[in-house]
């Protein structure tokens, strides 16, 4: 996985790598780093969510999307920060490769869940702008049907791509896909 690293990320990872390599108890330090990174991710999410909710008040459709993704988004940032700590850990730690793989799969699942909730939020936002309780609701019913069909199609596609991404993290599946 080739990722362009920012200067801050490189500095953080270099510092974390040196810290873990020189530690007397690297497993305890790794656990501490994971706990701190997850707490930092939760804090960043809470602050970001509050700011975005405040900024989105004039746009009801965006407010609906943000409410829909609140729970799923709360898992993404902590998992991203945990990934940074796990990538910085030395490769010779016992069980680190399994832990990295599990965290990577969890991140893919959380991102898939976030995208599914985002698609549902956009659909609910559009549906909320076309109420059915008007006298002539033919146009609103048409929009409701079209949006729901499109939403389910997009959500199905997102789930298939997410499931495929999880499967591609396993080397045996990756070799099947390459042949």
Foldseek 3Di string as FASTA:
>chain_A
DDDDDDPVLVVVLVVLLVCLVPDPDNVVVLVVQLVVLLVVQLVVLVVVLVVQCVVCVVPQLSNLLSVLLSVLSSPQRSLVSNLSNLVSHDPPDPCSVVVNLVSVLVNLVSVLSNVLSNLVSNLVSVLVVQDCPDPPNPVSVVSNVVSVVVSVVVNVVSVVVSVVVNQCSDPVSVVVVVD
